[in-house]
Structures are given as structure tokens and as C-alpha cells.
PDB file of N, CA and C in Angstrom:
ATOM      1  N   MET A   1      -1.243  15.611 -76.676  1.00  0.00           N
ATOM      2  CA  MET A   1      -1.443  14.354 -76.974  1.00  0.00           C
ATOM      3  C   MET A   1       0.031  13.900 -77.473  1.00  0.00           C
ATOM      4  N   ASN A   2       0.279  12.954 -77.011  1.00  0.00           N
ATOM      5  CA  ASN A   2       1.580  12.310 -77.387  1.00  0.00           C
ATOM      6  C   ASN A   2       1.794  11.688 -79.076  1.00  0.00           C
ATOM      7  N   GLN A   3       2.874  11.031 -79.335  1.00  0.00           N
ATOM      8  CA  GLN A   3       2.783  10.550 -80.908  1.00  0.00           C
ATOM      9  C   GLN A   3       2.163   9.368 -80.842  1.00  0.00           C
ATOM     10  N   LEU A   4       1.762   8.671 -79.782  1.00  0.00           N
ATOM     11  CA  LEU A   4       0.828   7.378 -79.986  1.00  0.00           C
ATOM     12  C   LEU A   4      -0.688   7.904 -80.055  1.00  0.00           C
ATOM     13  N   GLY A   5      -1.197   9.280 -79.790  1.00  0.00           N
ATOM     14  CA  GLY A   5      -2.233   9.671 -79.863  1.00  0.00           C
ATOM     15  C   GLY A   5      -2.951   9.501 -78.294  1.00  0.00           C
ATOM     16  N   ILE A   6      -1.684   9.592 -77.085  1.00  0.00           N
ATOM     17  CA  ILE A   6      -2.500   9.324 -75.762  1.00  0.00           C
ATOM     18  C   ILE A   6      -2.734  10.946 -75.298  1.00  0.00           C
ATOM     19  N   GLU A   7      -3.775  11.140 -74.703  1.00  0.00           N
ATOM     20  CA  GLU A   7      -4.033  12.218 -74.136  1.00  0.00           C
ATOM     21  C   GLU A   7      -4.165  12.074 -72.539  1.00  0.00           C
ATOM     22  N   ILE A   8      -3.700  13.105 -71.936  1.00  0.00           N
ATOM     23  CA  ILE A   8      -3.549  12.849 -70.285  1.00  0.00           C
ATOM     24  C   ILE A   8      -4.634  13.863 -70.060  1.00  0.00           C
ATOM     25  N   HIS A   9      -5.471  13.593 -68.947  1.00  0.00           N
ATOM     26  CA  HIS A   9      -6.284  14.265 -68.262  1.00  0.00           C
ATOM     27  C   HIS A   9      -6.409  13.786 -66.786  1.00  0.00           C
ATOM     28  N   GLY A  10      -7.021  14.908 -66.350  1.00  0.00           N
ATOM     29  CA  GLY A  10      -6.879  15.013 -64.652  1.00  0.00           C
ATOM     30  C   GLY A  10      -6.758  16.383 -64.033  1.00  0.00           C
ATOM     31  N   GLN A  11      -6.659  16.338 -62.773  1.00  0.00           N
ATOM     32  CA  GLN A  11      -6.203  17.696 -62.076  1.00  0.00           C
ATOM     33  C   GLN A  11      -4.786  17.162 -61.111  1.00  0.00           C
ATOM     34  N   VAL A  12      -3.823  18.360 -61.034  1.00  0.00           N
ATOM     35  CA  VAL A  12      -2.655  17.916 -60.307  1.00  0.00           C
ATOM     36  C   VAL A  12      -2.349  19.580 -59.661  1.00  0.00           C
ATOM     37  N   GLU A  13      -2.162  19.284 -58.439  1.00  0.00           N
ATOM     38  CA  GLU A  13      -1.954  20.305 -57.613  1.00  0.00           C
ATOM     39  C   GLU A  13      -0.394  20.887 -57.855  1.00  0.00           C
ATOM     40  N   ALA A  14      -0.401  22.359 -57.781  1.00  0.00           N
ATOM     41  CA  ALA A  14       1.219  22.971 -57.897  1.00  0.00           C
ATOM     42  C   ALA A  14       2.009  22.192 -56.996  1.00  0.00           C
ATOM     43  N   GLY A  15       3.177  21.822 -57.426  1.00  0.00           N
ATOM     44  CA  GLY A  15       4.334  21.343 -57.014  1.00  0.00           C
ATOM     45  C   GLY A  15       4.254  19.830 -57.662  1.00  0.00           C
ATOM     46  N   PHE A  16       3.182  19.148 -57.909  1.00  0.00           N
ATOM     47  CA  PHE A  16       3.352  18.024 -58.520  1.00  0.00           C
ATOM     48  C   PHE A  16       3.309  17.849 -59.593  1.00  0.00           C
ATOM     49  N   GLU A  17       3.288  18.353 -60.406  1.00  0.00           N
ATOM     50  CA  GLU A  17       3.472  18.077 -61.775  1.00  0.00           C
ATOM     51  C   GLU A  17       4.407  17.272 -62.332  1.00  0.00           C
ATOM     52  N   LYS A  18       5.640  17.037 -61.693  1.00  0.00           N
ATOM     53  CA  LYS A  18       6.428  15.997 -62.084  1.00  0.00           C
ATOM     54  C   LYS A  18       5.808  14.556 -62.030  1.00  0.00           C
ATOM     55  N   VAL A  19       4.667  14.415 -61.192  1.00  0.00           N
ATOM     56  CA  VAL A  19       4.084  13.140 -61.016  1.00  0.00           C
ATOM     57  C   VAL A  19       2.978  13.085 -62.369  1.00  0.00           C
ATOM     58  N   ARG A  20       2.623  14.150 -62.768  1.00  0.00           N
ATOM     59  CA  ARG A  20       1.952  13.981 -64.126  1.00  0.00           C
ATOM     60  C   ARG A  20       2.870  13.685 -65.475  1.00  0.00           C
ATOM     61  N   ASP A  21       4.001  14.473 -65.084  1.00  0.00           N
ATOM     62  CA  ASP A  21       4.903  14.425 -66.476  1.00  0.00           C
ATOM     63  C   ASP A  21       5.258  12.878 -66.351  1.00  0.00           C
ATOM     64  N   ALA A  22       5.916  12.319 -65.300  1.00  0.00           N
ATOM     65  CA  ALA A  22       6.410  10.852 -65.387  1.00  0.00           C
ATOM     66  C   ALA A  22       5.351   9.862 -65.764  1.00  0.00           C
ATOM     67  N   PHE A  23       4.094  10.277 -65.203  1.00  0.00           N
ATOM     68  CA  PHE A  23       3.015   9.549 -65.741  1.00  0.00           C
ATOM     69  C   PHE A  23       2.753   9.409 -67.233  1.00  0.00           C
ATOM     70  N   ALA A  24       3.059  10.582 -67.765  1.00  0.00           N
ATOM     71  CA  ALA A  24       2.779  10.695 -69.476  1.00  0.00           C
ATOM     72  C   ALA A  24       3.819  10.143 -69.935  1.00  0.00           C
ATOM     73  N   ALA A  25       5.036  10.526 -69.400  1.00  0.00           N
ATOM     74  CA  ALA A  25       6.285   9.825 -69.996  1.00  0.00           C
ATOM     75  C   ALA A  25       6.290   8.509 -70.410  1.00  0.00           C
ATOM     76  N   ASN A  26       5.535   7.741 -69.670  1.00  0.00           N
ATOM     77  CA  ASN A  26       5.475   6.312 -69.360  1.00  0.00           C
ATOM     78  C   ASN A  26       4.562   5.613 -70.636  1.00  0.00           C
ATOM     79  N   PHE A  27       3.815   6.194 -71.356  1.00  0.00           N
ATOM     80  CA  PHE A  27       3.361   5.889 -72.345  1.00  0.00           C
ATOM     81  C   PHE A  27       4.346   6.059 -73.733  1.00  0.00           C
ATOM     82  N   ASP A  28       5.020   7.143 -73.737  1.00  0.00           N
ATOM     83  CA  ASP A  28       6.144   7.127 -74.859  1.00  0.00           C
ATOM     84  C   ASP A  28       7.196   6.076 -74.529  1.00  0.00           C
ATOM     85  N   LYS A  29       7.383   5.888 -73.570  1.00  0.00           N
ATOM     86  CA  LYS A  29       8.616   5.244 -73.122  1.00  0.00           C
ATOM     87  C   LYS A  29       8.476   3.541 -73.081  1.00  0.00           C
ATOM     88  N   ASN A  30       7.010   3.235 -72.725  1.00  0.00           N
ATOM     89  CA  ASN A  30       6.831   1.892 -72.459  1.00  0.00           C
ATOM     90  C   ASN A  30       5.731   1.543 -73.309  1.00  0.00           C
ATOM     91  N   GLY A  31       5.357   2.357 -74.371  1.00  0.00           N
ATOM     92  CA  GLY A  31       4.039   1.942 -75.061  1.00  0.00           C
ATOM     93  C   GLY A  31       2.956   1.550 -74.564  1.00  0.00           C
ATOM     94  N   ASP A  32       2.785   1.988 -73.167  1.00  0.00           N
ATOM     95  CA  ASP A  32       1.173   1.837 -72.700  1.00  0.00           C
ATOM     96  C   ASP A  32       0.317   2.368 -73.284  1.00  0.00           C
ATOM     97  N   VAL A  33      -1.057   1.954 -73.073  1.00  0.00           N
ATOM     98  CA  VAL A  33      -2.258   2.620 -73.717  1.00  0.00           C
ATOM     99  C   VAL A  33      -3.432   2.992 -72.582  1.00  0.00           C
ATOM    100  N   GLY A  34      -3.052   2.674 -71.652  1.00  0.00           N
ATOM    101  CA  GLY A  34      -4.112   3.161 -70.500  1.00  0.00           C
ATOM    102  C   GLY A  34      -3.783   2.885 -69.341  1.00  0.00           C
ATOM    103  N   ALA A  35      -4.062   3.932 -68.402  1.00  0.00           N
ATOM    104  CA  ALA A  35      -3.599   3.913 -66.774  1.00  0.00           C
ATOM    105  C   ALA A  35      -4.532   4.862 -66.495  1.00  0.00           C
ATOM    106  N   ALA A  36      -4.443   4.970 -64.880  1.00  0.00           N
ATOM    107  CA  ALA A  36      -4.985   6.060 -64.031  1.00  0.00           C
ATOM    108  C   ALA A  36      -4.185   6.395 -62.738  1.00  0.00           C
ATOM    109  N   VAL A  37      -4.185   7.160 -62.175  1.00  0.00           N
ATOM    110  CA  VAL A  37      -3.493   7.477 -60.879  1.00  0.00           C
ATOM    111  C   VAL A  37      -4.056   8.412 -59.795  1.00  0.00           C
ATOM    112  N   CYS A  38      -4.040   8.413 -58.675  1.00  0.00           N
ATOM    113  CA  CYS A  38      -4.598   9.165 -57.570  1.00  0.00           C
ATOM    114  C   CYS A  38      -3.650   8.894 -56.688  1.00  0.00           C
ATOM    115  N   VAL A  39      -3.049  10.224 -56.329  1.00  0.00           N
ATOM    116  CA  VAL A  39      -2.485  10.532 -55.313  1.00  0.00           C
ATOM    117  C   VAL A  39      -2.651  11.398 -53.963  1.00  0.00           C
ATOM    118  N   TYR A  40      -2.753  10.816 -52.677  1.00  0.00           N
ATOM    119  CA  TYR A  40      -3.252  11.703 -51.662  1.00  0.00           C
ATOM    120  C   TYR A  40      -2.262  12.053 -50.653  1.00  0.00           C
ATOM    121  N   ARG A  41      -2.146  13.371 -50.129  1.00  0.00           N
ATOM    122  CA  ARG A  41      -1.096  13.826 -48.937  1.00  0.00           C
ATOM    123  C   ARG A  41      -1.921  14.310 -48.153  1.00  0.00           C
ATOM    124  N   ASP A  42      -1.896  13.903 -46.813  1.00  0.00           N
ATOM    125  CA  ASP A  42      -2.736  14.094 -45.628  1.00  0.00           C
ATOM    126  C   ASP A  42      -4.186  13.932 -45.877  1.00  0.00           C
ATOM    127  N   GLY A  43      -4.561  13.151 -46.413  1.00  0.00           N
ATOM    128  CA  GLY A  43      -5.838  12.942 -46.711  1.00  0.00           C
ATOM    129  C   GLY A  43      -6.450  13.856 -47.844  1.00  0.00           C
ATOM    130  N   HIS A  44      -5.858  14.539 -48.623  1.00  0.00           N
ATOM    131  CA  HIS A  44      -6.065  15.188 -49.437  1.00  0.00           C
ATOM    132  C   HIS A  44      -5.542  14.864 -50.815  1.00  0.00           C
ATOM    133  N   PRO A  45      -6.625  14.856 -52.184  1.00  0.00           N
ATOM    134  CA  PRO A  45      -5.885  14.552 -53.147  1.00  0.00           C
ATOM    135  C   PRO A  45      -4.729  15.546 -53.933  1.00  0.00           C
ATOM    136  N   VAL A  46      -3.620  15.162 -54.061  1.00  0.00           N
ATOM    137  CA  VAL A  46      -2.891  15.984 -54.738  1.00  0.00           C
ATOM    138  C   VAL A  46      -2.543  15.810 -56.347  1.00  0.00           C
ATOM    139  N   VAL A  47      -2.643  14.701 -56.817  1.00  0.00           N
ATOM    140  CA  VAL A  47      -2.872  14.104 -57.906  1.00  0.00           C
ATOM    141  C   VAL A  47      -4.249  13.715 -58.059  1.00  0.00           C
ATOM    142  N   ALA A  48      -5.306  14.200 -58.576  1.00  0.00           N
ATOM    143  CA  ALA A  48      -6.495  13.541 -58.864  1.00  0.00           C
ATOM    144  C   ALA A  48      -7.148  13.056 -60.436  1.00  0.00           C
ATOM    145  N   ASP A  49      -7.322  11.774 -60.272  1.00  0.00           N
ATOM    146  CA  ASP A  49      -8.205  11.130 -61.575  1.00  0.00           C
ATOM    147  C   ASP A  49      -7.189  11.452 -62.495  1.00  0.00           C
ATOM    148  N   VAL A  50      -5.838  11.596 -62.520  1.00  0.00           N
ATOM    149  CA  VAL A  50      -5.114  11.488 -63.460  1.00  0.00           C
ATOM    150  C   VAL A  50      -5.115  10.481 -64.551  1.00  0.00           C
ATOM    151  N   GLN A  51      -5.655  10.237 -65.747  1.00  0.00           N
ATOM    152  CA  GLN A  51      -5.822   9.055 -66.511  1.00  0.00           C
ATOM    153  C   GLN A  51      -5.542   9.387 -67.859  1.00  0.00           C
ATOM    154  N   SER A  52      -5.340   8.422 -68.949  1.00  0.00           N
ATOM    155  CA  SER A  52      -4.924   8.379 -70.177  1.00  0.00           C
ATOM    156  C   SER A  52      -5.918   8.007 -70.985  1.00  0.00           C
ATOM    157  N   ARG A  53      -6.055   8.468 -72.243  1.00  0.00           N
ATOM    158  CA  ARG A  53      -7.344   8.017 -73.082  1.00  0.00           C
ATOM    159  C   ARG A  53      -6.629   8.035 -74.391  1.00  0.00           C
ATOM    160  N   SER A  54      -6.697   7.281 -75.194  1.00  0.00           N
ATOM    161  CA  SER A  54      -6.198   6.815 -76.635  1.00  0.00           C
ATOM    162  C   SER A  54      -7.071   7.469 -77.749  1.00  0.00           C
ATOM    163  N   SER A  55      -6.364   8.481 -78.242  1.00  0.00           N
ATOM    164  CA  SER A  55      -7.289   9.069 -79.638  1.00  0.00           C
ATOM    165  C   SER A  55      -8.164   7.847 -80.566  1.00  0.00           C
ATOM    166  N   THR A  56      -7.176   6.774 -80.555  1.00  0.00           N
ATOM    167  CA  THR A  56      -7.607   5.508 -81.251  1.00  0.00           C
ATOM    168  C   THR A  56      -8.341   4.555 -80.898  1.00  0.00           C
ATOM    169  N   ASN A  57      -8.478   4.773 -79.681  1.00  0.00           N
ATOM    170  CA  ASN A  57      -9.241   3.817 -78.698  1.00  0.00           C
ATOM    171  C   ASN A  57     -10.770   4.030 -79.022  1.00  0.00           C
ATOM    172  N   ARG A  58     -11.641   2.895 -78.967  1.00  0.00           N
ATOM    173  CA  ARG A  58     -13.193   3.244 -79.304  1.00  0.00           C
ATOM    174  C   ARG A  58     -13.845   3.781 -78.183  1.00  0.00           C
ATOM    175  N   ARG A  59     -13.001   4.230 -76.698  1.00  0.00           N
ATOM    176  CA  ARG A  59     -13.700   4.805 -75.838  1.00  0.00           C
ATOM    177  C   ARG A  59     -14.086   6.135 -76.242  1.00  0.00           C
ATOM    178  N   THR A  60     -15.177   6.820 -75.463  1.00  0.00           N
ATOM    179  CA  THR A  60     -15.225   8.338 -75.947  1.00  0.00           C
ATOM    180  C   THR A  60     -15.377   9.099 -74.794  1.00  0.00           C
ATOM    181  N   SER A  61     -14.949   8.545 -73.635  1.00  0.00           N
ATOM    182  CA  SER A  61     -14.758   9.168 -72.473  1.00  0.00           C
ATOM    183  C   SER A  61     -13.842   8.495 -71.783  1.00  0.00           C
ATOM    184  N   PRO A  62     -13.140   9.351 -70.426  1.00  0.00           N
ATOM    185  CA  PRO A  62     -12.240   8.856 -69.786  1.00  0.00           C
ATOM    186  C   PRO A  62     -12.759   7.630 -68.891  1.00  0.00           C
ATOM    187  N   ARG A  63     -11.918   6.719 -68.432  1.00  0.00           N
ATOM    188  CA  ARG A  63     -12.491   5.616 -67.735  1.00  0.00           C
ATOM    189  C   ARG A  63     -12.878   6.091 -66.587  1.00  0.00           C
ATOM    190  N   ARG A  64     -13.743   5.308 -65.720  1.00  0.00           N
ATOM    191  CA  ARG A  64     -14.094   5.348 -64.350  1.00  0.00           C
ATOM    192  C   ARG A  64     -13.992   4.132 -63.341  1.00  0.00           C
ATOM    193  N   ALA A  65     -13.661   4.500 -62.463  1.00  0.00           N
ATOM    194  CA  ALA A  65     -13.290   3.605 -61.475  1.00  0.00           C
ATOM    195  C   ALA A  65     -14.096   2.827 -60.831  1.00  0.00           C
TER     196      ALA A  65
END
């Protein structure tokens, strides 16, 4: 959880951790409170359903597309 109370959830394959790190850094850097990303490579998800959730948000579960 970052200083704004944002938790990052989802699955990232080995070698794609920098995508998750850049996603997470966006919240500290830009003050965003919600987002999601999914990245496919050769038809296979390598960054799957990575999303944010605010501990101060009224939602109790991650967003669904």
C-alpha cells in the first residue's frame, strides 16, 4: 500500500515486474486513485488484471471490467 492508501492487485509474469512498478508509481507521482491494465504478448496475458484499490474508497472489492 502506498502513502495514499492505494493497493495494487493482479498477476505479473516474471520479466514484466517493471510494468507493475510503473503502474504503482503513477499513483504516487500523479495522485490517481483508480486504474487497471492488462497486457498480452503473443496472445498470452503477461500482466493480468493489475488494478488499484483505495483503502479509503467505499468499494470493498477490486473493479471488474
